[in-house]
Amino acid sequence: MSQKLTIEEFTLLAVDKLPKGDKQMIHTVYSGFNEAFREYFPGKDPVAEVNQLAKEGKISFRLCRGGAIIAKPGVIESVPKSKDTLQKMGV
């Protein structure tokens, strides 16, 4: 790529290219996103930038063990909540 991507473009490209299997989301640490972000955007904090994109509604975001999960808007909200899972299990 000859032209540098914006932070939003970089993040959405990562969400498109880095998921494993049929998943539609990535873990910011385990996928290598944070490290690649720091290399591509020296001096920028991937955590702060991802939080800003989530506030603007440009990505979905959820904290999880060891980091965060990011995806395109609307994807993470469709992940079942524990209450729904327990209800389906009948407990």
C-alpha atoms as a PDB file:
ATOM      1  CA  MET A   1       0.000   0.000   0.000  1.00  0.00           C
ATOM      2  CA  SER A   2       1.521   3.241  -1.099  1.00  0.00           C
ATOM      3  CA  GLN A   3      -0.875   5.604   0.661  1.00  0.00           C
ATOM      4  CA  LYS A   4      -1.172   5.511   4.443  1.00  0.00           C
ATOM      5  CA  LEU A   5      -4.529   4.387   5.811  1.00  0.00           C
ATOM      6  CA  THR A   6      -6.539   6.392   8.321  1.00  0.00           C
ATOM      7  CA  ILE A   7      -7.025   4.891  11.786  1.00  0.00           C
ATOM      8  CA  GLU A   8     -10.604   3.983  10.896  1.00  0.00           C
ATOM      9  CA  GLU A   9      -9.571   2.355   7.598  1.00  0.00           C
ATOM     10  CA  PHE A  10      -6.752   0.439   9.318  1.00  0.00           C
ATOM     11  CA  THR A  11      -9.096  -0.842  12.031  1.00  0.00           C
ATOM     12  CA  LEU A  12     -11.853  -1.900   9.641  1.00  0.00           C
ATOM     13  CA  LEU A  13      -9.301  -3.597   7.370  1.00  0.00           C
ATOM     14  CA  ALA A  14      -8.017  -5.542  10.383  1.00  0.00           C
ATOM     15  CA  VAL A  15     -11.566  -6.601  11.281  1.00  0.00           C
ATOM     16  CA  ASP A  16     -12.054  -7.800   7.684  1.00  0.00           C
ATOM     17  CA  LYS A  17      -8.737  -9.642   7.281  1.00  0.00           C
ATOM     18  CA  LEU A  18      -7.731 -10.979  10.720  1.00  0.00           C
ATOM     19  CA  PRO A  19     -10.672 -13.049  12.025  1.00  0.00           C
ATOM     20  CA  LYS A  20     -10.110 -16.781  12.142  1.00  0.00           C
ATOM     21  CA  GLY A  21     -12.637 -19.109  10.567  1.00  0.00           C
ATOM     22  CA  ASP A  22     -16.144 -17.734  10.256  1.00  0.00           C
ATOM     23  CA  LYS A  23     -15.761 -15.244  13.103  1.00  0.00           C
ATOM     24  CA  GLN A  24     -16.572 -11.612  12.399  1.00  0.00           C
ATOM     25  CA  MET A  25     -14.525 -10.100  15.232  1.00  0.00           C
ATOM     26  CA  ILE A  26     -10.944  -9.973  16.480  1.00  0.00           C
ATOM     27  CA  HIS A  27      -9.201  -9.824  19.830  1.00  0.00           C
ATOM     28  CA  THR A  28      -7.025  -6.709  19.847  1.00  0.00           C
ATOM     29  CA  VAL A  29      -4.091  -8.441  21.561  1.00  0.00           C
ATOM     30  CA  TYR A  30      -4.209 -12.050  20.374  1.00  0.00           C
ATOM     31  CA  SER A  31      -4.753 -11.076  16.726  1.00  0.00           C
ATOM     32  CA  GLY A  32      -1.678  -8.849  16.776  1.00  0.00           C
ATOM     33  CA  PHE A  33      -3.795  -5.757  16.079  1.00  0.00           C
ATOM     34  CA  ASN A  34      -2.371  -3.625  18.904  1.00  0.00           C
ATOM     35  CA  GLU A  35       1.230  -4.340  17.969  1.00  0.00           C
ATOM     36  CA  ALA A  36       0.611  -3.729  14.257  1.00  0.00           C
ATOM     37  CA  PHE A  37      -1.281  -0.520  15.092  1.00  0.00           C
ATOM     38  CA  ARG A  38       1.659   0.819  17.124  1.00  0.00           C
ATOM     39  CA  GLU A  39       4.059   0.038  14.281  1.00  0.00           C
ATOM     40  CA  TYR A  40       1.846   1.609  11.602  1.00  0.00           C
ATOM     41  CA  PHE A  41       0.938   4.664  13.715  1.00  0.00           C
ATOM     42  CA  PRO A  42       4.019   5.444  15.852  1.00  0.00           C
ATOM     43  CA  GLY A  43       3.151   7.412  18.980  1.00  0.00           C
ATOM     44  CA  LYS A  44      -0.577   6.584  18.795  1.00  0.00           C
ATOM     45  CA  ASP A  45      -2.325   4.508  21.471  1.00  0.00           C
ATOM     46  CA  PRO A  46      -4.473   1.740  19.949  1.00  0.00           C
ATOM     47  CA  VAL A  47      -6.633   1.501  23.073  1.00  0.00           C
ATOM     48  CA  ALA A  48      -7.551   5.192  23.015  1.00  0.00           C
ATOM     49  CA  GLU A  49      -8.142   5.165  19.257  1.00  0.00           C
ATOM     50  CA  VAL A  50     -10.338   2.039  19.389  1.00  0.00           C
ATOM     51  CA  ASN A  51     -12.334   3.593  22.238  1.00  0.00           C
ATOM     52  CA  GLN A  52     -12.858   6.729  20.137  1.00  0.00           C
ATOM     53  CA  LEU A  53     -13.999   4.728  17.105  1.00  0.00           C
ATOM     54  CA  ALA A  54     -16.454   2.832  19.327  1.00  0.00           C
ATOM     55  CA  LYS A  55     -17.816   6.112  20.767  1.00  0.00           C
ATOM     56  CA  GLU A  56     -18.365   7.371  17.216  1.00  0.00           C
ATOM     57  CA  GLY A  57     -20.226   4.144  16.340  1.00  0.00           C
ATOM     58  CA  LYS A  58     -17.715   3.162  13.667  1.00  0.00           C
ATOM     59  CA  ILE A  59     -16.894  -0.182  15.317  1.00  0.00           C
ATOM     60  CA  SER A  60     -18.357  -2.483  17.967  1.00  0.00           C
ATOM     61  CA  PHE A  61     -16.252  -2.944  21.071  1.00  0.00           C
ATOM     62  CA  ARG A  62     -16.312  -5.132  24.169  1.00  0.00           C
ATOM     63  CA  LEU A  63     -13.736  -5.615  26.906  1.00  0.00           C
ATOM     64  CA  CYS A  64     -12.687  -9.194  27.510  1.00  0.00           C
ATOM     65  CA  ARG A  65      -9.941 -11.206  29.141  1.00  0.00           C
ATOM     66  CA  GLY A  66      -6.551  -9.968  28.033  1.00  0.00           C
ATOM     67  CA  GLY A  67      -7.791  -7.034  25.978  1.00  0.00           C
ATOM     68  CA  ALA A  68     -10.824  -6.226  23.876  1.00  0.00           C
ATOM     69  CA  ILE A  69     -12.881  -7.621  21.036  1.00  0.00           C
ATOM     70  CA  ILE A  70     -13.589  -5.351  18.068  1.00  0.00           C
ATOM     71  CA  ALA A  71     -15.865  -5.818  15.063  1.00  0.00           C
ATOM     72  CA  LYS A  72     -17.941  -3.932  12.549  1.00  0.00           C
ATOM     73  CA  PRO A  73     -20.923  -2.034  14.001  1.00  0.00           C
ATOM     74  CA  GLY A  74     -23.728  -4.286  15.213  1.00  0.00           C
ATOM     75  CA  VAL A  75     -21.758  -7.531  15.291  1.00  0.00           C
ATOM     76  CA  ILE A  76     -20.854  -7.672  18.970  1.00  0.00           C
ATOM     77  CA  GLU A  77     -24.283  -6.566  20.140  1.00  0.00           C
ATOM     78  CA  SER A  78     -25.646  -9.706  18.485  1.00  0.00           C
ATOM     79  CA  VAL A  79     -23.524 -11.966  20.731  1.00  0.00           C
ATOM     80  CA  PRO A  80     -25.865 -13.611  23.254  1.00  0.00           C
ATOM     81  CA  LYS A  81     -25.849 -12.188  26.773  1.00  0.00           C
ATOM     82  CA  SER A  82     -25.455 -14.550  29.742  1.00  0.00           C
ATOM     83  CA  LYS A  83     -29.071 -13.922  30.778  1.00  0.00           C
ATOM     84  CA  ASP A  84     -30.288 -15.111  27.368  1.00  0.00           C
ATOM     85  CA  THR A  85     -28.021 -18.158  27.467  1.00  0.00           C
ATOM     86  CA  LEU A  86     -29.256 -19.149  30.936  1.00  0.00           C
ATOM     87  CA  GLN A  87     -32.846 -18.695  29.798  1.00  0.00           C
ATOM     88  CA  LYS A  88     -32.260 -20.990  26.796  1.00  0.00           C
ATOM     89  CA  MET A  89     -30.693 -23.542  29.145  1.00  0.00           C
ATOM     90  CA  GLY A  90     -33.749 -23.365  31.393  1.00  0.00           C
ATOM     91  CA  VAL A  91     -31.820 -22.405  34.523  1.00  0.00           C
END
